[in-house]
C-alpha atoms as a PDB file:
ATOM      1  CA  MET A   1      11.145 -47.160   1.162  1.00  0.00           C
ATOM      2  CA  SER A   2       7.802 -45.312   1.289  1.00  0.00           C
ATOM      3  CA  GLY A   3       8.973 -43.315   4.329  1.00  0.00           C
ATOM      4  CA  PHE A   4      12.220 -42.417   2.558  1.00  0.00           C
ATOM      5  CA  ARG A   5      10.298 -41.132  -0.458  1.00  0.00           C
ATOM      6  CA  ASP A   6       7.990 -39.088   1.740  1.00  0.00           C
ATOM      7  CA  GLY A   7      10.982 -37.544   3.518  1.00  0.00           C
ATOM      8  CA  GLN A   8      12.527 -36.655   0.113  1.00  0.00           C
ATOM      9  CA  MET A   9       9.350 -35.037  -1.086  1.00  0.00           C
ATOM     10  CA  LYS A  10       9.047 -32.976   2.091  1.00  0.00           C
ATOM     11  CA  ALA A  11      12.624 -31.846   1.795  1.00  0.00           C
ATOM     12  CA  LEU A  12      12.073 -30.946  -1.921  1.00  0.00           C
ATOM     13  CA  ARG A  13       8.927 -29.007  -1.112  1.00  0.00           C
ATOM     14  CA  ALA A  14      10.806 -27.130   1.661  1.00  0.00           C
ATOM     15  CA  LYS A  15      13.609 -26.306  -0.737  1.00  0.00           C
ATOM     16  CA  ILE A  16      11.241 -25.019  -3.380  1.00  0.00           C
ATOM     17  CA  SER A  17       9.434 -22.900  -0.758  1.00  0.00           C
ATOM     18  CA  GLN A  18      12.667 -21.453   0.430  1.00  0.00           C
ATOM     19  CA  MET A  19      13.752 -20.593  -3.153  1.00  0.00           C
ATOM     20  CA  GLU A  20      10.404 -18.921  -3.862  1.00  0.00           C
ATOM     21  CA  SER A  21      10.548 -16.960  -0.632  1.00  0.00           C
ATOM     22  CA  HIS A  22      14.136 -15.806  -1.478  1.00  0.00           C
ATOM     23  CA  GLY A  23      13.013 -14.610  -4.842  1.00  0.00           C
ATOM     24  CA  ARG A  24      10.095 -12.612  -3.480  1.00  0.00           C
ATOM     25  CA  ASN A  25      12.057 -11.057  -0.613  1.00  0.00           C
ATOM     26  CA  ARG A  26      15.347 -10.161  -2.172  1.00  0.00           C
ATOM     27  CA  ALA A  27      14.226  -6.555  -2.381  1.00  0.00           C
ATOM     28  CA  GLY A  28      13.951  -6.458   1.322  1.00  0.00           C
ATOM     29  CA  VAL A  29      11.331  -4.805   3.502  1.00  0.00           C
ATOM     30  CA  MET A  30      10.515  -1.183   4.477  1.00  0.00           C
ATOM     31  CA  SER A  31       9.870  -0.264   8.125  1.00  0.00           C
ATOM     32  CA  LEU A  32       6.610   1.590   8.790  1.00  0.00           C
ATOM     33  CA  GLY A  33       8.212   3.404  11.639  1.00  0.00           C
ATOM     34  CA  ASP A  34       6.455   1.438  14.446  1.00  0.00           C
ATOM     35  CA  ALA A  35       7.264  -2.029  15.689  1.00  0.00           C
ATOM     36  CA  ARG A  36       3.517  -2.760  16.282  1.00  0.00           C
ATOM     37  CA  LEU A  37       3.010  -2.463  12.527  1.00  0.00           C
ATOM     38  CA  ASP A  38       6.264  -4.003  11.333  1.00  0.00           C
ATOM     39  CA  ASP A  39       5.697  -7.106  13.358  1.00  0.00           C
ATOM     40  CA  CYS A  40       2.504  -7.834  11.429  1.00  0.00           C
ATOM     41  CA  PHE A  41       4.679  -8.656   8.322  1.00  0.00           C
ATOM     42  CA  PRO A  42       6.842 -11.851   8.255  1.00  0.00           C
ATOM     43  CA  GLY A  43       9.984  -9.989   7.372  1.00  0.00           C
ATOM     44  CA  GLY A  44       9.581  -7.213   9.959  1.00  0.00           C
ATOM     45  CA  GLY A  45       8.292  -4.541   7.483  1.00  0.00           C
ATOM     46  CA  LEU A  46       6.282  -3.947   4.355  1.00  0.00           C
ATOM     47  CA  PRO A  47       7.568  -6.483   1.702  1.00  0.00           C
ATOM     48  CA  LEU A  48       9.220  -4.685  -1.261  1.00  0.00           C
ATOM     49  CA  GLY A  49       9.629  -6.084  -4.745  1.00  0.00           C
ATOM     50  CA  GLN A  50       5.934  -7.192  -4.593  1.00  0.00           C
ATOM     51  CA  TRP A  51       2.588  -5.496  -5.124  1.00  0.00           C
ATOM     52  CA  HIS A  52      -0.057  -4.388  -2.648  1.00  0.00           C
ATOM     53  CA  ALA A  53      -3.805  -3.664  -3.042  1.00  0.00           C
ATOM     54  CA  PHE A  54      -5.780  -0.770  -1.642  1.00  0.00           C
ATOM     55  CA  THR A  55      -9.577  -0.414  -1.659  1.00  0.00           C
ATOM     56  CA  GLY A  56     -12.145   2.051  -0.323  1.00  0.00           C
ATOM     57  CA  GLU A  57     -15.806   1.832   0.507  1.00  0.00           C
ATOM     58  CA  GLY A  58     -18.932   3.755  -0.697  1.00  0.00           C
ATOM     59  CA  MET A  59     -17.998   6.734  -2.856  1.00  0.00           C
ATOM     60  CA  GLU A  60     -14.354   6.083  -2.022  1.00  0.00           C
ATOM     61  CA  ALA A  61     -14.607   3.092  -4.330  1.00  0.00           C
ATOM     62  CA  GLU A  62     -15.059   5.531  -7.192  1.00  0.00           C
ATOM     63  CA  THR A  63     -13.018   8.509  -6.079  1.00  0.00           C
ATOM     64  CA  SER A  64     -10.287   6.531  -4.247  1.00  0.00           C
ATOM     65  CA  ALA A  65      -9.200   9.732  -2.589  1.00  0.00           C
ATOM     66  CA  CYS A  66      -8.421   8.088   0.787  1.00  0.00           C
ATOM     67  CA  PRO A  67      -6.860   4.860  -0.584  1.00  0.00           C
ATOM     68  CA  ALA A  68      -4.644   6.979  -2.947  1.00  0.00           C
ATOM     69  CA  ALA A  69      -3.568   9.330  -0.193  1.00  0.00           C
ATOM     70  CA  PHE A  70      -2.776   6.476   2.192  1.00  0.00           C
ATOM     71  CA  ALA A  71      -0.915   4.493  -0.508  1.00  0.00           C
ATOM     72  CA  ALA A  72       1.111   7.546  -1.459  1.00  0.00           C
ATOM     73  CA  LEU A  73       2.327   8.188   2.054  1.00  0.00           C
ATOM     74  CA  LEU A  74       2.938   4.458   2.652  1.00  0.00           C
ATOM     75  CA  ALA A  75       5.315   4.362  -0.351  1.00  0.00           C
ATOM     76  CA  ALA A  76       6.769   7.896  -0.036  1.00  0.00           C
ATOM     77  CA  PRO A  77      10.061   6.737   1.496  1.00  0.00           C
ATOM     78  CA  LEU A  78      10.660   4.550  -1.603  1.00  0.00           C
ATOM     79  CA  THR A  79      11.225   7.644  -3.700  1.00  0.00           C
ATOM     80  CA  ARG A  80      14.594   8.047  -2.046  1.00  0.00           C
ATOM     81  CA  ARG A  81      15.656   5.019  -4.211  1.00  0.00           C
ATOM     82  CA  GLY A  82      14.206   6.175  -7.508  1.00  0.00           C
ATOM     83  CA  GLU A  83      11.330   7.771  -9.334  1.00  0.00           C
ATOM     84  CA  ALA A  84       7.611   6.897  -8.783  1.00  0.00           C
ATOM     85  CA  VAL A  85       5.107   6.303 -11.621  1.00  0.00           C
ATOM     86  CA  TRP A  86       1.370   6.903 -11.189  1.00  0.00           C
ATOM     87  CA  ILE A  87      -0.842   5.316 -13.881  1.00  0.00           C
ATOM     88  CA  LEU A  88      -4.412   6.829 -14.048  1.00  0.00           C
ATOM     89  CA  ARG A  89      -7.579   6.005 -15.905  1.00  0.00           C
ATOM     90  CA  ARG A  90      -8.941   9.526 -15.264  1.00  0.00           C
ATOM     91  CA  ASP A  91      -6.686  12.538 -15.329  1.00  0.00           C
ATOM     92  CA  ASP A  92      -7.599  13.870 -11.906  1.00  0.00           C
ATOM     93  CA  LEU A  93      -4.576  13.262  -9.740  1.00  0.00           C
ATOM     94  CA  PHE A  94      -3.696  16.546  -7.831  1.00  0.00           C
ATOM     95  CA  ALA A  95       0.011  16.483  -7.337  1.00  0.00           C
ATOM     96  CA  PRO A  96       0.158  19.566  -5.160  1.00  0.00           C
ATOM     97  CA  GLY A  97      -2.219  17.818  -2.755  1.00  0.00           C
ATOM     98  CA  LEU A  98       0.212  14.876  -2.588  1.00  0.00           C
ATOM     99  CA  ALA A  99       3.025  17.323  -1.859  1.00  0.00           C
ATOM    100  CA  GLY A 100       0.968  18.891   0.904  1.00  0.00           C
ATOM    101  CA  LEU A 101       0.699  15.450   2.521  1.00  0.00           C
ATOM    102  CA  GLY A 102       4.455  14.969   2.389  1.00  0.00           C
ATOM    103  CA  PHE A 103       4.831  12.947  -0.830  1.00  0.00           C
ATOM    104  CA  PRO A 104       7.758  14.318  -3.025  1.00  0.00           C
ATOM    105  CA  ALA A 105       5.679  15.197  -6.097  1.00  0.00           C
ATOM    106  CA  ASP A 106       8.895  16.205  -7.961  1.00  0.00           C
ATOM    107  CA  ARG A 107       9.782  12.501  -7.967  1.00  0.00           C
ATOM    108  CA  LEU A 108       6.453  11.506  -9.620  1.00  0.00           C
ATOM    109  CA  ILE A 109       5.762  10.660 -13.287  1.00  0.00           C
ATOM    110  CA  GLN A 110       2.034  10.607 -14.251  1.00  0.00           C
ATOM    111  CA  VAL A 111       0.703   8.390 -17.112  1.00  0.00           C
ATOM    112  CA  CYS A 112      -2.949   8.413 -18.228  1.00  0.00           C
ATOM    113  CA  ALA A 113      -4.024   5.108 -19.744  1.00  0.00           C
ATOM    114  CA  ARG A 114      -6.900   4.513 -22.175  1.00  0.00           C
ATOM    115  CA  ASP A 115      -8.321   1.421 -20.482  1.00  0.00           C
ATOM    116  CA  GLU A 116      -7.598  -1.177 -17.885  1.00  0.00           C
ATOM    117  CA  ALA A 117      -5.489  -3.400 -20.173  1.00  0.00           C
ATOM    118  CA  GLU A 118      -3.279  -0.466 -21.171  1.00  0.00           C
ATOM    119  CA  ALA A 119      -2.949   0.589 -17.533  1.00  0.00           C
ATOM    120  CA  LEU A 120      -1.776  -2.879 -16.529  1.00  0.00           C
ATOM    121  CA  ALA A 121       0.603  -3.155 -19.448  1.00  0.00           C
ATOM    122  CA  VAL A 122       2.146   0.196 -18.653  1.00  0.00           C
ATOM    123  CA  ALA A 123       2.509  -0.834 -15.064  1.00  0.00           C
ATOM    124  CA  GLU A 124       4.432  -3.958 -16.089  1.00  0.00           C
ATOM    125  CA  ASP A 125       6.838  -1.892 -18.175  1.00  0.00           C
ATOM    126  CA  ALA A 126       7.261   0.711 -15.469  1.00  0.00           C
ATOM    127  CA  LEU A 127       7.942  -1.926 -12.716  1.00  0.00           C
ATOM    128  CA  ALA A 128      10.649  -3.521 -14.818  1.00  0.00           C
ATOM    129  CA  THR A 129      12.339  -0.184 -15.643  1.00  0.00           C
ATOM    130  CA  VAL A 130      15.679   0.856 -14.176  1.00  0.00           C
ATOM    131  CA  GLY A 131      15.383   3.790 -11.777  1.00  0.00           C
ATOM    132  CA  ILE A 132      11.674   3.210 -10.884  1.00  0.00           C
ATOM    133  CA  SER A 133      11.144   2.337  -7.213  1.00  0.00           C
ATOM    134  CA  ALA A 134       7.329   2.477  -6.958  1.00  0.00           C
ATOM    135  CA  VAL A 135       4.417   2.249  -9.382  1.00  0.00           C
ATOM    136  CA  PHE A 136       0.868   3.237  -8.521  1.00  0.00           C
ATOM    137  CA  ILE A 137      -1.870   1.675 -10.694  1.00  0.00           C
ATOM    138  CA  GLU A 138      -5.436   2.750 -10.646  1.00  0.00           C
ATOM    139  CA  VAL A 139      -7.591  -0.122 -11.961  1.00  0.00           C
ATOM    140  CA  ASP A 140     -10.988  -1.713 -11.214  1.00  0.00           C
ATOM    141  CA  ALA A 141      -9.733  -5.234 -10.506  1.00  0.00           C
ATOM    142  CA  VAL A 142      -6.719  -7.469 -11.095  1.00  0.00           C
ATOM    143  CA  ASP A 143      -7.382 -11.104 -11.971  1.00  0.00           C
ATOM    144  CA  LEU A 144      -4.985 -13.933 -11.256  1.00  0.00           C
ATOM    145  CA  VAL A 145      -3.168 -13.750 -14.642  1.00  0.00           C
ATOM    146  CA  ALA A 146      -2.665  -9.968 -14.360  1.00  0.00           C
ATOM    147  CA  GLY A 147      -1.639 -10.292 -10.751  1.00  0.00           C
ATOM    148  CA  ARG A 148       0.980 -12.834 -11.514  1.00  0.00           C
ATOM    149  CA  ARG A 149       2.346 -10.719 -14.372  1.00  0.00           C
ATOM    150  CA  LEU A 150       2.606  -7.745 -12.040  1.00  0.00           C
ATOM    151  CA  GLN A 151       4.503  -9.821  -9.501  1.00  0.00           C
ATOM    152  CA  LEU A 152       6.963 -10.960 -12.116  1.00  0.00           C
ATOM    153  CA  ALA A 153       7.490  -7.399 -13.197  1.00  0.00           C
ATOM    154  CA  CYS A 154       8.074  -6.365  -9.559  1.00  0.00           C
ATOM    155  CA  GLU A 155      10.708  -9.108  -9.162  1.00  0.00           C
ATOM    156  CA  ALA A 156      12.571  -8.047 -12.322  1.00  0.00           C
ATOM    157  CA  ARG A 157      14.064  -4.930 -10.672  1.00  0.00           C
ATOM    158  CA  GLY A 158      12.775  -5.101  -7.117  1.00  0.00           C
ATOM    159  CA  SER A 159      10.226  -2.303  -7.640  1.00  0.00           C
ATOM    160  CA  THR A 160       7.059  -2.161  -5.543  1.00  0.00           C
ATOM    161  CA  GLY A 161       3.563  -1.966  -7.053  1.00  0.00           C
ATOM    162  CA  LEU A 162       0.581  -0.231  -5.311  1.00  0.00           C
ATOM    163  CA  VAL A 163      -2.710  -1.186  -6.918  1.00  0.00           C
ATOM    164  CA  ILE A 164      -5.497   1.307  -6.095  1.00  0.00           C
ATOM    165  CA  HIS A 165      -8.806  -0.336  -6.826  1.00  0.00           C
ATOM    166  CA  ARG A 166     -11.023   2.215  -8.437  1.00  0.00           C
ATOM    167  CA  LYS A 167     -14.302   1.415 -10.111  1.00  0.00           C
ATOM    168  CA  PRO A 168     -15.764   3.378 -13.105  1.00  0.00           C
ATOM    169  CA  TRP A 169     -18.286   6.087 -12.223  1.00  0.00           C
ATOM    170  CA  GLY A 170     -21.612   4.333 -11.597  1.00  0.00           C
ATOM    171  CA  GLY A 171     -20.089   0.955 -12.408  1.00  0.00           C
ATOM    172  CA  ALA A 172     -19.994  -2.222 -10.339  1.00  0.00           C
ATOM    173  CA  SER A 173     -17.881  -2.405  -7.187  1.00  0.00           C
ATOM    174  CA  PRO A 174     -14.419  -3.938  -7.491  1.00  0.00           C
ATOM    175  CA  ALA A 175     -14.557  -7.677  -7.099  1.00  0.00           C
ATOM    176  CA  THR A 176     -13.372  -8.439  -3.593  1.00  0.00           C
ATOM    177  CA  GLY A 177     -12.244 -11.967  -4.595  1.00  0.00           C
ATOM    178  CA  THR A 178      -9.620 -10.699  -7.099  1.00  0.00           C
ATOM    179  CA  GLY A 179      -6.065  -9.720  -6.304  1.00  0.00           C
ATOM    180  CA  SER A 180      -5.161 -12.870  -4.488  1.00  0.00           C
ATOM    181  CA  ALA A 181      -1.603 -12.488  -5.820  1.00  0.00           C
ATOM    182  CA  ALA A 182      -1.089  -9.327  -3.843  1.00  0.00           C
ATOM    183  CA  ALA A 183       1.301  -9.417  -0.953  1.00  0.00           C
ATOM    184  CA  SER A 184      -1.065  -7.456   1.201  1.00  0.00           C
ATOM    185  CA  ARG A 185      -4.568  -6.040   0.854  1.00  0.00           C
ATOM    186  CA  TRP A 186      -5.688  -2.896   2.640  1.00  0.00           C
ATOM    187  CA  ARG A 187      -9.076  -1.253   3.133  1.00  0.00           C
ATOM    188  CA  ILE A 188      -8.966   2.493   3.803  1.00  0.00           C
ATOM    189  CA  ARG A 189     -11.610   4.765   5.351  1.00  0.00           C
ATOM    190  CA  PRO A 190     -11.598   8.408   6.260  1.00  0.00           C
ATOM    191  CA  ALA A 191     -11.326   9.261   9.869  1.00  0.00           C
ATOM    192  CA  PRO A 192     -12.100  12.557  11.723  1.00  0.00           C
ATOM    193  CA  SER A 193      -9.171  15.014  11.966  1.00  0.00           C
ATOM    194  CA  LEU A 194      -8.333  16.354  15.394  1.00  0.00           C
ATOM    195  CA  PRO A 195      -6.432  19.598  16.077  1.00  0.00           C
ATOM    196  CA  PRO A 196      -3.435  19.541  18.366  1.00  0.00           C
ATOM    197  CA  PRO A 197      -4.270  19.880  22.142  1.00  0.00           C
ATOM    198  CA  GLY A 198      -5.361  23.383  23.035  1.00  0.00           C
ATOM    199  CA  GLU A 199      -5.851  24.438  19.363  1.00  0.00           C
ATOM    200  CA  PHE A 200      -8.924  24.777  17.174  1.00  0.00           C
ATOM    201  CA  GLY A 201      -9.525  23.886  13.490  1.00  0.00           C
ATOM    202  CA  LEU A 202      -8.326  20.938  11.549  1.00  0.00           C
ATOM    203  CA  GLY A 203      -5.412  18.732  12.429  1.00  0.00           C
ATOM    204  CA  PRO A 204      -3.449  16.322  10.190  1.00  0.00           C
ATOM    205  CA  PRO A 205      -5.460  14.092   7.815  1.00  0.00           C
ATOM    206  CA  ARG A 206      -6.377  10.718   9.355  1.00  0.00           C
ATOM    207  CA  TRP A 207      -7.350   7.410   8.021  1.00  0.00           C
ATOM    208  CA  GLN A 208      -8.636   4.093   9.398  1.00  0.00           C
ATOM    209  CA  ALA A 209      -6.697   1.400   7.684  1.00  0.00           C
ATOM    210  CA  SER A 210      -7.483  -2.297   7.842  1.00  0.00           C
ATOM    211  CA  LEU A 211      -4.815  -4.816   6.717  1.00  0.00           C
ATOM    212  CA  ASP A 212      -7.266  -7.436   5.571  1.00  0.00           C
ATOM    213  CA  ARG A 213      -4.776  -9.827   4.189  1.00  0.00           C
ATOM    214  CA  CYS A 214      -1.042 -10.241   4.452  1.00  0.00           C
ATOM    215  CA  ARG A 215       0.840 -13.206   3.036  1.00  0.00           C
ATOM    216  CA  GLY A 216       2.558 -14.943   5.947  1.00  0.00           C
ATOM    217  CA  GLY A 217       1.575 -12.174   8.384  1.00  0.00           C
ATOM    218  CA  ARG A 218      -1.442 -11.159  10.510  1.00  0.00           C
ATOM    219  CA  PRO A 219      -4.199  -8.614   9.834  1.00  0.00           C
ATOM    220  CA  GLY A 220      -5.098  -5.654  12.007  1.00  0.00           C
ATOM    221  CA  THR A 221      -6.857  -2.322  11.953  1.00  0.00           C
ATOM    222  CA  TRP A 222      -5.207   1.012  12.969  1.00  0.00           C
ATOM    223  CA  LEU A 223      -5.838   4.720  13.034  1.00  0.00           C
ATOM    224  CA  PHE A 224      -3.168   6.622  11.103  1.00  0.00           C
ATOM    225  CA  GLU A 225      -2.467  10.286  10.535  1.00  0.00           C
ATOM    226  CA  ALA A 226      -0.083  12.230   8.281  1.00  0.00           C
ATOM    227  CA  ASP A 227       3.070  13.120  10.182  1.00  0.00           C
ATOM    228  CA  HIS A 228       3.731  16.769   9.252  1.00  0.00           C
ATOM    229  CA  ALA A 229       7.121  16.591  10.965  1.00  0.00           C
ATOM    230  CA  TYR A 230       8.300  13.962   8.489  1.00  0.00           C
ATOM    231  CA  SER A 231      11.084  15.119   6.189  1.00  0.00           C
ATOM    232  CA  HIS A 232      11.714  13.236   2.909  1.00  0.00           C
ATOM    233  CA  GLU A 233      15.468  14.073   3.163  1.00  0.00           C
ATOM    234  CA  ALA A 234      15.764  12.632   6.666  1.00  0.00           C
ATOM    235  CA  GLN A 235      17.434   9.216   6.985  1.00  0.00           C
ATOM    236  CA  ASP A 236      16.353   8.485  10.574  1.00  0.00           C
ATOM    237  CA  GLY A 237      13.915   5.742   9.841  1.00  0.00           C
ATOM    238  CA  THR A 238      10.830   7.802  10.368  1.00  0.00           C
ATOM    239  CA  HIS A 239       7.737   7.278   8.183  1.00  0.00           C
ATOM    240  CA  PRO A 240       5.155   9.902   6.914  1.00  0.00           C
ATOM    241  CA  LEU A 241       2.317   7.826   8.312  1.00  0.00           C
ATOM    242  CA  ARG A 242       2.048   7.970  12.093  1.00  0.00           C
ATOM    243  CA  LEU A 243       0.257   5.319  14.111  1.00  0.00           C
ATOM    244  CA  VAL A 244      -2.284   6.996  16.352  1.00  0.00           C
ATOM    245  CA  ALA A 245      -3.885   3.908  17.850  1.00  0.00           C
ATOM    246  CA  PRO A 246      -4.577   0.220  17.086  1.00  0.00           C
ATOM    247  CA  LEU A 247      -8.354  -0.490  16.724  1.00  0.00           C
ATOM    248  CA  GLY A 248     -10.193  -3.577  17.839  1.00  0.00           C
ATOM    249  CA  ALA A 249     -13.606  -4.687  16.605  1.00  0.00           C
ATOM    250  CA  GLY A 250     -16.050  -1.881  17.420  1.00  0.00           C
ATOM    251  CA  GLU A 251     -13.405   0.038  19.324  1.00  0.00           C
ATOM    252  CA  LEU A 252     -13.723   3.880  19.308  1.00  0.00           C
ATOM    253  CA  VAL A 253     -10.978   6.391  19.670  1.00  0.00           C
ATOM    254  CA  PRO A 254     -11.308   8.209  23.003  1.00  0.00           C
ATOM    255  CA  ALA A 255     -12.646  11.690  22.582  1.00  0.00           C
ATOM    256  CA  THR A 256     -10.563  14.718  23.521  1.00  0.00           C
ATOM    257  CA  PRO A 257     -11.840  17.094  26.308  1.00  0.00           C
ATOM    258  CA  PHE A 258     -12.866  19.529  23.547  1.00  0.00           C
ATOM    259  CA  GLN A 259     -14.949  16.958  21.776  1.00  0.00           C
ATOM    260  CA  ARG A 260     -16.744  15.936  25.024  1.00  0.00           C
ATOM    261  CA  SER A 261     -17.588  19.612  25.882  1.00  0.00           C
ATOM    262  CA  ALA A 262     -18.876  20.148  22.373  1.00  0.00           C
END
């Protein structure tokens, strides 16, 4: 009898897990344009209808320039499905800069919130609004309660949240232990830009991105650059972030001949 009850409990737990997984994944996934990236996620692409966290290091923890640019390009294809909302604590988002990277700024709605609580409340409303496909939220930290509320708002309409952790000027660093409700957690660093072979000057912007946590997937670190050949109108499955190279622990990107001679 005891074994029968144990079998029933296991079957019930499996059924509950299946139902929860179906609720989280009904919005589907988005391919990142490279199988080496997509295979890190359990569904074969970035999970939609959930929220993802992005952090920087050093001054980036305050300016969030690199995490914001990376998150914008990561979610740019979602704007084919609807509008994007960007919720700021400081009114310093430069939309033309996003457009220069390849993000369709004409699909962007900017909202400046007074404090963290208002930013999170506006984010919940935006995520649950018809016609909104992606919501960017600049906040210092997200506790478990706020994270769960964001997730429920994502599931309401299948919208995707992108939380950009940004601490106040001169304030404490964002708490690394928060945001456990996030579907994935990324750490973004700037990387040197390289011109095309045989040319001088600056090449496309580059970022070193570490996927520190992914629910049901596996972490990794990669070197990305903005793909200037990407077209927002194209429906060919390309992505505005191009994978340059996967990076192992302590691995360096090989220098070009020009770098070695310099």
